[in-house]
Amino acid sequence: MMPSNRPARPFKLPKSYAALIADWPVVVLGMCTVLIVVCALVGILVPDLPDFSDPLLLDNLKSTIQRKKQNGFARSKMKTWMKSCKQLEKGKKMLEKQIAEHGAPLKEQKPSMG
């Protein structure tokens, strides 16, 4: 086996695009090929994209996106309100329990005071 003329050194990222191409030409070519193939496949396999030459279609898309945002906001508000309602229900039950526990002695004391 012939010794390598290249000194052993840890991998360093190239400082420029030109250095990357000079140091790793096969890798750069391979990545470009993969990118070209993926773009070609996407162009072939993706169904027809919507045509936005009609301004009404574009407005419809914008309003759909806006409605989705508003819907998400309304859902989060509703969840917050439901959580608050559940906490209020728990507090109400605790207060009713306390009134039931402490209210019975008060009812017994009322007739003796009058």
Protein backbone atom coordinates (compact mmCIF):
# COMPACT_ATOMS: atom_id res chain seq x y z
CA MET A 1 0.00 0.00 0.00
CA MET A 2 1.33 3.43 -0.91
CA PRO A 3 1.45 6.07 1.77
CA SER A 4 -0.80 9.04 1.21
CA ASN A 5 0.84 12.35 0.30
CA ARG A 6 -1.94 14.15 2.10
CA PRO A 7 -1.25 14.86 5.78
CA ALA A 8 -3.82 13.57 8.28
CA ARG A 9 -5.82 16.47 9.71
CA PRO A 10 -9.22 16.84 11.32
CA PHE A 11 -12.15 17.87 9.11
CA LYS A 12 -12.63 21.63 8.78
CA LEU A 13 -15.46 23.36 6.97
CA PRO A 14 -14.21 25.20 3.90
CA LYS A 15 -14.09 28.98 4.23
CA SER A 16 -15.62 29.63 0.81
CA TYR A 17 -17.73 27.98 -1.83
CA ALA A 18 -14.69 27.76 -4.11
CA ALA A 19 -12.75 25.90 -1.42
CA LEU A 20 -15.70 23.52 -0.94
CA ILE A 21 -15.76 22.72 -4.66
CA ALA A 22 -11.98 22.30 -4.75
CA ASP A 23 -11.86 20.01 -1.69
CA TRP A 24 -15.06 18.00 -2.27
CA PRO A 25 -15.96 18.08 -6.00
CA VAL A 26 -17.72 14.69 -6.01
CA VAL A 27 -19.82 15.57 -2.98
CA VAL A 28 -20.86 18.93 -4.46
CA LEU A 29 -21.72 17.29 -7.79
CA GLY A 30 -23.69 14.58 -6.01
CA MET A 31 -25.66 17.10 -3.93
CA CYS A 32 -26.47 19.16 -7.05
CA THR A 33 -27.62 16.01 -8.84
CA VAL A 34 -29.85 15.01 -5.92
CA LEU A 35 -31.35 18.51 -5.79
CA ILE A 36 -32.06 18.48 -9.55
CA VAL A 37 -33.67 15.04 -9.37
CA VAL A 38 -35.84 15.98 -6.39
CA CYS A 39 -37.01 19.20 -8.07
CA ALA A 40 -37.79 17.30 -11.27
CA LEU A 41 -39.78 14.65 -9.36
CA VAL A 42 -41.72 17.30 -7.48
CA GLY A 43 -42.57 19.02 -10.75
CA ILE A 44 -43.75 15.74 -12.27
CA LEU A 45 -45.52 14.14 -9.30
CA VAL A 46 -47.25 17.12 -7.69
CA PRO A 47 -50.73 17.61 -9.10
CA ASP A 48 -51.63 20.83 -10.87
CA LEU A 49 -51.01 23.84 -8.70
CA PRO A 50 -53.80 26.39 -8.29
CA ASP A 51 -53.91 29.22 -10.79
CA PHE A 52 -53.95 32.57 -9.00
CA SER A 53 -54.30 34.69 -12.10
CA ASP A 54 -57.90 35.35 -10.99
CA PRO A 55 -57.80 37.89 -8.12
CA LEU A 56 -60.94 36.41 -6.57
CA LEU A 57 -59.17 33.09 -6.04
CA LEU A 58 -56.28 34.84 -4.33
CA ASP A 59 -58.69 36.77 -2.09
CA ASN A 60 -60.47 33.51 -1.30
CA LEU A 61 -57.16 31.92 -0.27
CA LYS A 62 -56.28 34.91 1.92
CA SER A 63 -59.68 34.86 3.61
CA THR A 64 -59.39 31.09 4.18
CA ILE A 65 -56.03 31.55 5.86
CA GLN A 66 -57.42 34.43 7.96
CA ARG A 67 -60.42 32.31 9.01
CA LYS A 68 -58.13 29.46 10.04
CA LYS A 69 -56.13 31.84 12.23
CA GLN A 70 -59.31 33.28 13.75
CA ASN A 71 -60.65 29.78 14.32
CA GLY A 72 -57.47 28.76 16.17
CA PHE A 73 -57.62 31.92 18.28
CA ALA A 74 -61.30 31.31 19.11
CA ARG A 75 -60.57 27.70 20.08
CA SER A 76 -57.77 28.76 22.43
CA LYS A 77 -60.05 31.39 24.01
CA MET A 78 -62.79 28.80 24.44
CA LYS A 79 -60.36 26.36 26.09
CA THR A 80 -59.28 29.11 28.48
CA TRP A 81 -62.91 29.92 29.34
CA MET A 82 -63.74 26.25 29.85
CA LYS A 83 -60.78 25.89 32.19
CA SER A 84 -61.91 28.96 34.11
CA CYS A 85 -65.45 27.58 34.33
CA LYS A 86 -64.17 24.26 35.67
CA GLN A 87 -62.12 26.08 38.30
CA LEU A 88 -65.15 28.17 39.27
CA GLU A 89 -67.26 25.01 39.55
CA LYS A 90 -64.68 23.45 41.87
CA GLY A 91 -64.62 26.62 43.97
CA LYS A 92 -68.41 26.67 44.12
CA LYS A 93 -68.54 23.06 45.31
CA MET A 94 -65.92 23.75 47.97
CA LEU A 95 -67.85 26.79 49.20
CA GLU A 96 -71.12 24.84 49.26
CA LYS A 97 -69.39 22.12 51.27
CA GLN A 98 -67.99 24.68 53.72
CA ILE A 99 -71.39 26.34 54.07
CA ALA A 100 -72.98 22.96 54.69
CA GLU A 101 -70.38 22.14 57.37
CA HIS A 102 -70.44 25.53 59.09
CA GLY A 103 -74.04 26.46 58.32
CA ALA A 104 -75.58 23.68 60.41
CA PRO A 105 -74.18 25.03 63.73
CA LEU A 106 -75.32 28.54 62.74
CA LYS A 107 -78.87 27.33 62.13
CA GLU A 108 -78.88 25.70 65.54
CA GLN A 109 -77.69 28.90 67.19
CA LYS A 110 -80.21 31.20 65.44
CA PRO A 111 -83.35 30.02 67.30
CA SER A 112 -81.64 30.37 70.69
CA MET A 113 -80.63 33.98 69.92
CA GLY A 114 -84.11 35.11 69.00
